[in-house]
PDB file of N, CA and C in Angstrom:
ATOM      1  N   UNK A   1       9.378  -4.610  10.178  1.00  0.00           N
ATOM      2  CA  UNK A   1      10.742  -4.355  10.574  1.00  0.00           C
ATOM      3  C   UNK A   1      10.719  -3.557  11.871  1.00  0.00           C
ATOM      4  N   UNK A   2      11.585  -3.966  12.830  1.00  0.00           N
ATOM      5  CA  UNK A   2      11.557  -3.324  14.133  1.00  0.00           C
ATOM      6  C   UNK A   2      12.957  -3.336  14.738  1.00  0.00           C
ATOM      7  N   UNK A   3      13.369  -2.183  15.240  1.00  0.00           N
ATOM      8  CA  UNK A   3      14.632  -2.058  15.950  1.00  0.00           C
ATOM      9  C   UNK A   3      14.341  -2.206  17.440  1.00  0.00           C
ATOM     10  N   UNK A   4      14.884  -3.262  18.063  1.00  0.00           N
ATOM     11  CA  UNK A   4      14.621  -3.518  19.476  1.00  0.00           C
ATOM     12  C   UNK A   4      15.593  -2.788  20.393  1.00  0.00           C
ATOM     13  N   UNK A   5      16.881  -2.801  20.049  1.00  0.00           N
ATOM     14  CA  UNK A   5      17.847  -2.141  20.926  1.00  0.00           C
ATOM     15  C   UNK A   5      19.020  -1.580  20.136  1.00  0.00           C
ATOM     16  N   UNK A   6      19.619  -0.553  20.719  1.00  0.00           N
ATOM     17  CA  UNK A   6      20.805   0.097  20.159  1.00  0.00           C
ATOM     18  C   UNK A   6      21.748   0.324  21.329  1.00  0.00           C
ATOM     19  N   UNK A   7      22.943  -0.289  21.264  1.00  0.00           N
ATOM     20  CA  UNK A   7      23.903  -0.196  22.358  1.00  0.00           C
ATOM     21  C   UNK A   7      25.251   0.248  21.809  1.00  0.00           C
ATOM     22  N   UNK A   8      25.767   1.350  22.358  1.00  0.00           N
ATOM     23  CA  UNK A   8      27.103   1.815  21.978  1.00  0.00           C
ATOM     24  C   UNK A   8      28.122   0.857  22.586  1.00  0.00           C
ATOM     25  N   UNK A   9      29.042   0.348  21.739  1.00  0.00           N
ATOM     26  CA  UNK A   9      30.034  -0.612  22.232  1.00  0.00           C
ATOM     27  C   UNK A   9      31.245  -0.652  21.308  1.00  0.00           C
ATOM     28  N   UNK A  10      32.420  -0.594  21.885  1.00  0.00           N
ATOM     29  CA  UNK A  10      33.650  -0.825  21.138  1.00  0.00           C
ATOM     30  C   UNK A  10      33.855   0.050  19.920  1.00  0.00           C
ATOM     31  N   UNK A  11      33.546   1.313  19.995  1.00  0.00           N
ATOM     32  CA  UNK A  11      33.743   2.202  18.855  1.00  0.00           C
ATOM     33  C   UNK A  11      32.681   2.085  17.781  1.00  0.00           C
ATOM     34  N   UNK A  12      31.590   1.456  18.094  1.00  0.00           N
ATOM     35  CA  UNK A  12      30.502   1.310  17.138  1.00  0.00           C
ATOM     36  C   UNK A  12      29.186   1.159  17.870  1.00  0.00           C
ATOM     37  N   UNK A  13      28.247   0.514  17.209  1.00  0.00           N
ATOM     38  CA  UNK A  13      26.935   0.334  17.816  1.00  0.00           C
ATOM     39  C   UNK A  13      26.429  -1.084  17.515  1.00  0.00           C
ATOM     40  N   UNK A  14      25.872  -1.722  18.536  1.00  0.00           N
ATOM     41  CA  UNK A  14      25.289  -3.045  18.416  1.00  0.00           C
ATOM     42  C   UNK A  14      23.782  -2.884  18.303  1.00  0.00           C
ATOM     43  N   UNK A  15      23.204  -3.422  17.235  1.00  0.00           N
ATOM     44  CA  UNK A  15      21.775  -3.304  16.981  1.00  0.00           C
ATOM     45  C   UNK A  15      21.126  -4.679  17.012  1.00  0.00           C
ATOM     46  N   UNK A  16      19.950  -4.758  17.612  1.00  0.00           N
ATOM     47  CA  UNK A  16      19.161  -5.976  17.555  1.00  0.00           C
ATOM     48  C   UNK A  16      17.748  -5.615  17.130  1.00  0.00           C
ATOM     49  N   UNK A  17      17.113  -6.532  16.426  1.00  0.00           N
ATOM     50  CA  UNK A  17      15.753  -6.276  15.986  1.00  0.00           C
ATOM     51  C   UNK A  17      15.204  -7.428  15.179  1.00  0.00           C
ATOM     52  N   UNK A  18      14.130  -7.134  14.444  1.00  0.00           N
ATOM     53  CA  UNK A  18      13.479  -8.125  13.589  1.00  0.00           C
ATOM     54  C   UNK A  18      13.289  -7.547  12.202  1.00  0.00           C
ATOM     55  N   UNK A  19      13.523  -8.375  11.209  1.00  0.00           N
ATOM     56  CA  UNK A  19      13.234  -8.026   9.817  1.00  0.00           C
ATOM     57  C   UNK A  19      12.595  -9.251   9.175  1.00  0.00           C
ATOM     58  N   UNK A  20      11.418  -9.091   8.629  1.00  0.00           N
ATOM     59  CA  UNK A  20      10.653 -10.197   8.051  1.00  0.00           C
ATOM     60  C   UNK A  20      10.529 -11.355   9.049  1.00  0.00           C
ATOM     61  N   UNK A  21      10.215 -11.030  10.299  1.00  0.00           N
ATOM     62  CA  UNK A  21      10.034 -12.000  11.381  1.00  0.00           C
ATOM     63  C   UNK A  21      11.272 -12.843  11.672  1.00  0.00           C
ATOM     64  N   UNK A  22      12.444 -12.350  11.316  1.00  0.00           N
ATOM     65  CA  UNK A  22      13.694 -13.028  11.631  1.00  0.00           C
ATOM     66  C   UNK A  22      14.463 -12.181  12.631  1.00  0.00           C
ATOM     67  N   UNK A  23      14.952 -12.832  13.690  1.00  0.00           N
ATOM     68  CA  UNK A  23      15.766 -12.133  14.677  1.00  0.00           C
ATOM     69  C   UNK A  23      17.103 -11.776  14.023  1.00  0.00           C
ATOM     70  N   UNK A  24      17.496 -10.520  14.161  1.00  0.00           N
ATOM     71  CA  UNK A  24      18.709 -10.029  13.518  1.00  0.00           C
ATOM     72  C   UNK A  24      19.541  -9.271  14.550  1.00  0.00           C
ATOM     73  N   UNK A  25      20.852  -9.452  14.466  1.00  0.00           N
ATOM     74  CA  UNK A  25      21.776  -8.712  15.327  1.00  0.00           C
ATOM     75  C   UNK A  25      22.965  -8.306  14.460  1.00  0.00           C
ATOM     76  N   UNK A  26      23.396  -7.056  14.608  1.00  0.00           N
ATOM     77  CA  UNK A  26      24.558  -6.627  13.838  1.00  0.00           C
ATOM     78  C   UNK A  26      25.350  -5.571  14.579  1.00  0.00           C
ATOM     79  N   UNK A  27      26.625  -5.484  14.214  1.00  0.00           N
ATOM     80  CA  UNK A  27      27.516  -4.489  14.790  1.00  0.00           C
ATOM     81  C   UNK A  27      27.986  -3.573  13.677  1.00  0.00           C
ATOM     82  N   UNK A  28      27.725  -2.268  13.838  1.00  0.00           N
ATOM     83  CA  UNK A  28      28.161  -1.262  12.872  1.00  0.00           C
ATOM     84  C   UNK A  28      29.350  -0.514  13.449  1.00  0.00           C
ATOM     85  N   UNK A  29      30.370  -0.252  12.616  1.00  0.00           N
ATOM     86  CA  UNK A  29      31.473   0.567  13.097  1.00  0.00           C
ATOM     87  C   UNK A  29      31.069   2.038  13.032  1.00  0.00           C
ATOM     88  N   UNK A  30      31.978   2.926  13.359  1.00  0.00           N
ATOM     89  CA  UNK A  30      31.660   4.357  13.415  1.00  0.00           C
ATOM     90  C   UNK A  30      31.258   4.921  12.055  1.00  0.00           C
ATOM     91  N   UNK A  31      31.668   4.266  10.967  1.00  0.00           N
ATOM     92  CA  UNK A  31      31.316   4.723   9.620  1.00  0.00           C
ATOM     93  C   UNK A  31      30.016   4.119   9.110  1.00  0.00           C
ATOM     94  N   UNK A  32      29.362   3.277   9.908  1.00  0.00           N
ATOM     95  CA  UNK A  32      28.100   2.659   9.498  1.00  0.00           C
ATOM     96  C   UNK A  32      28.269   1.379   8.704  1.00  0.00           C
ATOM     97  N   UNK A  33      29.497   0.824   8.674  1.00  0.00           N
ATOM     98  CA  UNK A  33      29.730  -0.432   7.960  1.00  0.00           C
ATOM     99  C   UNK A  33      29.423  -1.622   8.859  1.00  0.00           C
ATOM    100  N   UNK A  34      28.839  -2.657   8.280  1.00  0.00           N
ATOM    101  CA  UNK A  34      28.520  -3.863   9.036  1.00  0.00           C
ATOM    102  C   UNK A  34      29.803  -4.665   9.228  1.00  0.00           C
ATOM    103  N   UNK A  35      30.199  -4.831  10.475  1.00  0.00           N
ATOM    104  CA  UNK A  35      31.410  -5.584  10.795  1.00  0.00           C
ATOM    105  C   UNK A  35      31.095  -7.020  11.209  1.00  0.00           C
ATOM    106  N   UNK A  36      29.985  -7.237  11.896  1.00  0.00           N
ATOM    107  CA  UNK A  36      29.546  -8.567  12.304  1.00  0.00           C
ATOM    108  C   UNK A  36      28.030  -8.609  12.231  1.00  0.00           C
ATOM    109  N   UNK A  37      27.493  -9.803  12.060  1.00  0.00           N
ATOM    110  CA  UNK A  37      26.050  -9.920  12.041  1.00  0.00           C
ATOM    111  C   UNK A  37      25.581 -11.332  12.312  1.00  0.00           C
ATOM    112  N   UNK A  38      24.327 -11.447  12.731  1.00  0.00           N
ATOM    113  CA  UNK A  38      23.683 -12.743  12.950  1.00  0.00           C
ATOM    114  C   UNK A  38      22.291 -12.685  12.343  1.00  0.00           C
ATOM    115  N   UNK A  39      21.969 -13.722  11.588  1.00  0.00           N
ATOM    116  CA  UNK A  39      20.633 -13.868  11.016  1.00  0.00           C
ATOM    117  C   UNK A  39      20.403 -15.348  10.775  1.00  0.00           C
ATOM    118  N   UNK A  40      19.149 -15.770  10.730  1.00  0.00           N
ATOM    119  CA  UNK A  40      18.842 -17.186  10.551  1.00  0.00           C
ATOM    120  C   UNK A  40      18.445 -17.520   9.111  1.00  0.00           C
ATOM    121  N   UNK A  41      18.566 -16.568   8.195  1.00  0.00           N
ATOM    122  CA  UNK A  41      18.178 -16.835   6.801  1.00  0.00           C
ATOM    123  C   UNK A  41      19.231 -17.701   6.093  1.00  0.00           C
ATOM    124  N   UNK A  42      18.847 -18.279   4.957  1.00  0.00           N
ATOM    125  CA  UNK A  42      19.742 -19.188   4.237  1.00  0.00           C
ATOM    126  C   UNK A  42      20.968 -18.472   3.664  1.00  0.00           C
ATOM    127  N   UNK A  43      20.801 -17.228   3.190  1.00  0.00           N
ATOM    128  CA  UNK A  43      21.949 -16.483   2.655  1.00  0.00           C
ATOM    129  C   UNK A  43      23.010 -16.308   3.739  1.00  0.00           C
ATOM    130  N   UNK A  44      22.587 -15.892   4.929  1.00  0.00           N
ATOM    131  CA  UNK A  44      23.550 -15.674   6.005  1.00  0.00           C
ATOM    132  C   UNK A  44      24.150 -16.999   6.473  1.00  0.00           C
ATOM    133  N   UNK A  45      23.349 -18.048   6.491  1.00  0.00           N
ATOM    134  CA  UNK A  45      23.840 -19.364   6.887  1.00  0.00           C
ATOM    135  C   UNK A  45      24.938 -19.837   5.943  1.00  0.00           C
ATOM    136  N   UNK A  46      24.751 -19.626   4.638  1.00  0.00           N
ATOM    137  CA  UNK A  46      25.729 -20.081   3.640  1.00  0.00           C
ATOM    138  C   UNK A  46      26.969 -19.194   3.584  1.00  0.00           C
ATOM    139  N   UNK A  47      26.782 -17.883   3.609  1.00  0.00           N
ATOM    140  CA  UNK A  47      27.880 -16.975   3.305  1.00  0.00           C
ATOM    141  C   UNK A  47      28.316 -16.061   4.442  1.00  0.00           C
ATOM    142  N   UNK A  48      27.516 -15.917   5.486  1.00  0.00           N
ATOM    143  CA  UNK A  48      27.831 -14.924   6.513  1.00  0.00           C
ATOM    144  C   UNK A  48      27.774 -13.540   5.878  1.00  0.00           C
ATOM    145  N   UNK A  49      28.758 -12.706   6.143  1.00  0.00           N
ATOM    146  CA  UNK A  49      28.798 -11.404   5.475  1.00  0.00           C
ATOM    147  C   UNK A  49      29.918 -11.354   4.430  1.00  0.00           C
ATOM    148  N   UNK A  50      30.583 -12.506   4.183  1.00  0.00           N
ATOM    149  CA  UNK A  50      31.675 -12.555   3.188  1.00  0.00           C
ATOM    150  C   UNK A  50      31.189 -12.183   1.787  1.00  0.00           C
ATOM    151  N   UNK A  51      29.996 -12.634   1.416  1.00  0.00           N
ATOM    152  CA  UNK A  51      29.446 -12.342   0.086  1.00  0.00           C
ATOM    153  C   UNK A  51      28.492 -11.158   0.133  1.00  0.00           C
ATOM    154  N   UNK A  52      28.601 -10.373   1.181  1.00  0.00           N
ATOM    155  CA  UNK A  52      27.696  -9.246   1.374  1.00  0.00           C
ATOM    156  C   UNK A  52      26.622  -9.626   2.365  1.00  0.00           C
ATOM    157  N   UNK A  53      26.159  -8.672   3.144  1.00  0.00           N
ATOM    158  CA  UNK A  53      25.148  -8.977   4.156  1.00  0.00           C
ATOM    159  C   UNK A  53      23.815  -9.346   3.518  1.00  0.00           C
ATOM    160  N   UNK A  54      23.036 -10.115   4.252  1.00  0.00           N
ATOM    161  CA  UNK A  54      21.705 -10.501   3.762  1.00  0.00           C
ATOM    162  C   UNK A  54      20.763  -9.296   3.815  1.00  0.00           C
ATOM    163  N   UNK A  55      19.619  -9.443   3.184  1.00  0.00           N
ATOM    164  CA  UNK A  55      18.664  -8.334   3.126  1.00  0.00           C
ATOM    165  C   UNK A  55      18.127  -7.958   4.500  1.00  0.00           C
ATOM    166  N   UNK A  56      18.121  -8.902   5.433  1.00  0.00           N
ATOM    167  CA  UNK A  56      17.619  -8.619   6.772  1.00  0.00           C
ATOM    168  C   UNK A  56      18.583  -7.712   7.541  1.00  0.00           C
ATOM    169  N   UNK A  57      19.890  -7.992   7.419  1.00  0.00           N
ATOM    170  CA  UNK A  57      20.889  -7.126   8.046  1.00  0.00           C
ATOM    171  C   UNK A  57      20.851  -5.735   7.430  1.00  0.00           C
ATOM    172  N   UNK A  58      20.726  -5.681   6.117  1.00  0.00           N
ATOM    173  CA  UNK A  58      20.664  -4.379   5.432  1.00  0.00           C
ATOM    174  C   UNK A  58      19.430  -3.590   5.847  1.00  0.00           C
ATOM    175  N   UNK A  59      18.309  -4.285   6.008  1.00  0.00           N
ATOM    176  CA  UNK A  59      17.074  -3.604   6.402  1.00  0.00           C
ATOM    177  C   UNK A  59      17.198  -3.008   7.797  1.00  0.00           C
ATOM    178  N   UNK A  60      17.786  -3.761   8.723  1.00  0.00           N
ATOM    179  CA  UNK A  60      17.945  -3.248  10.083  1.00  0.00           C
ATOM    180  C   UNK A  60      18.915  -2.075  10.117  1.00  0.00           C
ATOM    181  N   UNK A  61      19.999  -2.172   9.345  1.00  0.00           N
ATOM    182  CA  UNK A  61      20.959  -1.058   9.286  1.00  0.00           C
ATOM    183  C   UNK A  61      20.295   0.189   8.706  1.00  0.00           C
ATOM    184  N   UNK A  62      19.524   0.031   7.652  1.00  0.00           N
ATOM    185  CA  UNK A  62      18.838   1.161   7.031  1.00  0.00           C
ATOM    186  C   UNK A  62      17.880   1.821   8.022  1.00  0.00           C
ATOM    187  N   UNK A  63      17.118   1.018   8.747  1.00  0.00           N
ATOM    188  CA  UNK A  63      16.191   1.551   9.746  1.00  0.00           C
ATOM    189  C   UNK A  63      16.944   2.322  10.820  1.00  0.00           C
ATOM    190  N   UNK A  64      18.027   1.765  11.323  1.00  0.00           N
ATOM    191  CA  UNK A  64      18.800   2.420  12.383  1.00  0.00           C
ATOM    192  C   UNK A  64      19.413   3.728  11.897  1.00  0.00           C
ATOM    193  N   UNK A  65      19.942   3.743  10.680  1.00  0.00           N
ATOM    194  CA  UNK A  65      20.551   4.963  10.157  1.00  0.00           C
ATOM    195  C   UNK A  65      19.495   6.034   9.886  1.00  0.00           C
ATOM    196  N   UNK A  66      18.302   5.631   9.452  1.00  0.00           N
ATOM    197  CA  UNK A  66      17.218   6.608   9.253  1.00  0.00           C
ATOM    198  C   UNK A  66      16.791   7.236  10.569  1.00  0.00           C
ATOM    199  N   UNK A  67      16.666   6.418  11.612  1.00  0.00           N
ATOM    200  CA  UNK A  67      16.280   6.949  12.920  1.00  0.00           C
ATOM    201  C   UNK A  67      17.343   7.907  13.443  1.00  0.00           C
ATOM    202  N   UNK A  68      18.596   7.558  13.254  1.00  0.00           N
ATOM    203  CA  UNK A  68      19.686   8.430  13.700  1.00  0.00           C
ATOM    204  C   UNK A  68      19.661   9.734  12.919  1.00  0.00           C
ATOM    205  N   UNK A  69      19.439   9.667  11.615  1.00  0.00           N
ATOM    206  CA  UNK A  69      19.409  10.865  10.775  1.00  0.00           C
ATOM    207  C   UNK A  69      18.240  11.762  11.140  1.00  0.00           C
ATOM    208  N   UNK A  70      17.080  11.184  11.428  1.00  0.00           N
ATOM    209  CA  UNK A  70      15.933  12.018  11.792  1.00  0.00           C
ATOM    210  C   UNK A  70      16.181  12.711  13.128  1.00  0.00           C
ATOM    211  N   UNK A  71      16.888  12.052  14.039  1.00  0.00           N
ATOM    212  CA  UNK A  71      17.229  12.694  15.312  1.00  0.00           C
ATOM    213  C   UNK A  71      18.170  13.872  15.075  1.00  0.00           C
ATOM    214  N   UNK A  72      19.125  13.721  14.156  1.00  0.00           N
ATOM    215  CA  UNK A  72      20.037  14.820  13.831  1.00  0.00           C
ATOM    216  C   UNK A  72      19.273  15.957  13.166  1.00  0.00           C
ATOM    217  N   UNK A  73      18.377  15.635  12.244  1.00  0.00           N
ATOM    218  CA  UNK A  73      17.587  16.666  11.575  1.00  0.00           C
ATOM    219  C   UNK A  73      16.750  17.444  12.576  1.00  0.00           C
ATOM    220  N   UNK A  74      16.149  16.738  13.530  1.00  0.00           N
ATOM    221  CA  UNK A  74      15.324  17.412  14.533  1.00  0.00           C
ATOM    222  C   UNK A  74      16.156  18.351  15.386  1.00  0.00           C
ATOM    223  N   UNK A  75      17.341  17.931  15.756  1.00  0.00           N
ATOM    224  CA  UNK A  75      18.166  18.792  16.597  1.00  0.00           C
ATOM    225  C   UNK A  75      18.657  20.000  15.807  1.00  0.00           C
ATOM    226  N   UNK A  76      18.960  19.830  14.531  1.00  0.00           N
ATOM    227  CA  UNK A  76      19.382  20.953  13.699  1.00  0.00           C
ATOM    228  C   UNK A  76      18.234  21.929  13.472  1.00  0.00           C
ATOM    229  N   UNK A  77      17.051  21.400  13.257  1.00  0.00           N
ATOM    230  CA  UNK A  77      15.892  22.274  13.066  1.00  0.00           C
ATOM    231  C   UNK A  77      15.610  23.064  14.337  1.00  0.00           C
ATOM    232  N   UNK A  78      15.715  22.403  15.486  1.00  0.00           N
ATOM    233  CA  UNK A  78      15.505  23.100  16.748  1.00  0.00           C
ATOM    234  C   UNK A  78      16.551  24.177  16.981  1.00  0.00           C
ATOM    235  N   UNK A  79      17.783  23.885  16.642  1.00  0.00           N
ATOM    236  CA  UNK A  79      18.861  24.857  16.782  1.00  0.00           C
ATOM    237  C   UNK A  79      18.599  26.070  15.891  1.00  0.00           C
ATOM    238  N   UNK A  80      18.163  25.816  14.672  1.00  0.00           N
ATOM    239  CA  UNK A  80      17.899  26.904  13.734  1.00  0.00           C
ATOM    240  C   UNK A  80      16.751  27.790  14.237  1.00  0.00           C
ATOM    241  N   UNK A  81      15.720  27.169  14.775  1.00  0.00           N
ATOM    242  CA  UNK A  81      14.598  27.945  15.312  1.00  0.00           C
ATOM    243  C   UNK A  81      15.049  28.821  16.483  1.00  0.00           C
ATOM    244  N   UNK A  82      15.897  28.281  17.337  1.00  0.00           N
ATOM    245  CA  UNK A  82      16.426  29.070  18.449  1.00  0.00           C
ATOM    246  C   UNK A  82      17.261  30.238  17.932  1.00  0.00           C
ATOM    247  N   UNK A  83      18.039  29.999  16.897  1.00  0.00           N
ATOM    248  CA  UNK A  83      18.860  31.055  16.310  1.00  0.00           C
ATOM    249  C   UNK A  83      17.975  32.158  15.729  1.00  0.00           C
ATOM    250  N   UNK A  84      16.912  31.783  15.032  1.00  0.00           N
ATOM    251  CA  UNK A  84      16.000  32.774  14.464  1.00  0.00           C
ATOM    252  C   UNK A  84      15.351  33.617  15.559  1.00  0.00           C
ATOM    253  N   UNK A  85      14.957  32.977  16.649  1.00  0.00           N
ATOM    254  CA  UNK A  85      14.339  33.722  17.750  1.00  0.00           C
ATOM    255  C   UNK A  85      15.352  34.649  18.404  1.00  0.00           C
ATOM    256  N   UNK A  86      16.574  34.228  18.540  1.00  0.00           N
ATOM    257  CA  UNK A  86      17.604  35.049  19.160  1.00  0.00           C
ATOM    258  C   UNK A  86      17.923  36.277  18.301  1.00  0.00           C
ATOM    259  N   UNK A  87      18.002  36.103  16.985  1.00  0.00           N
ATOM    260  CA  UNK A  87      18.345  37.215  16.102  1.00  0.00           C
ATOM    261  C   UNK A  87      17.167  38.171  15.905  1.00  0.00           C
ATOM    262  N   UNK A  88      15.936  37.682  16.120  1.00  0.00           N
ATOM    263  CA  UNK A  88      14.768  38.544  15.952  1.00  0.00           C
ATOM    264  C   UNK A  88      14.649  39.544  17.103  1.00  0.00           C
ATOM    265  N   UNK A  89      15.195  39.240  18.245  1.00  0.00           N
ATOM    266  CA  UNK A  89      15.101  40.133  19.413  1.00  0.00           C
ATOM    267  C   UNK A  89      16.100  41.205  19.358  1.00  0.00           C
TER     268      UNK A  89
END
């Protein structure tokens, strides 16, 4: 699984990548919900996202949200360390 690009667009984020060697593209709104998606698997071909997104779209969304969360955790940890150093002086 690989996230190739993340582009802020239209109040959300456009993600492209690969999951199980399938090219995947999806658009998440500000709440992290899948609003549009593209995949070449049979589930997506038959149902689109009407019956729920395919496992490839879900995998890419999960990867993107984990990367975003780890970036937030890192910034919070850095902020806390700076606060501790400031209060120690």
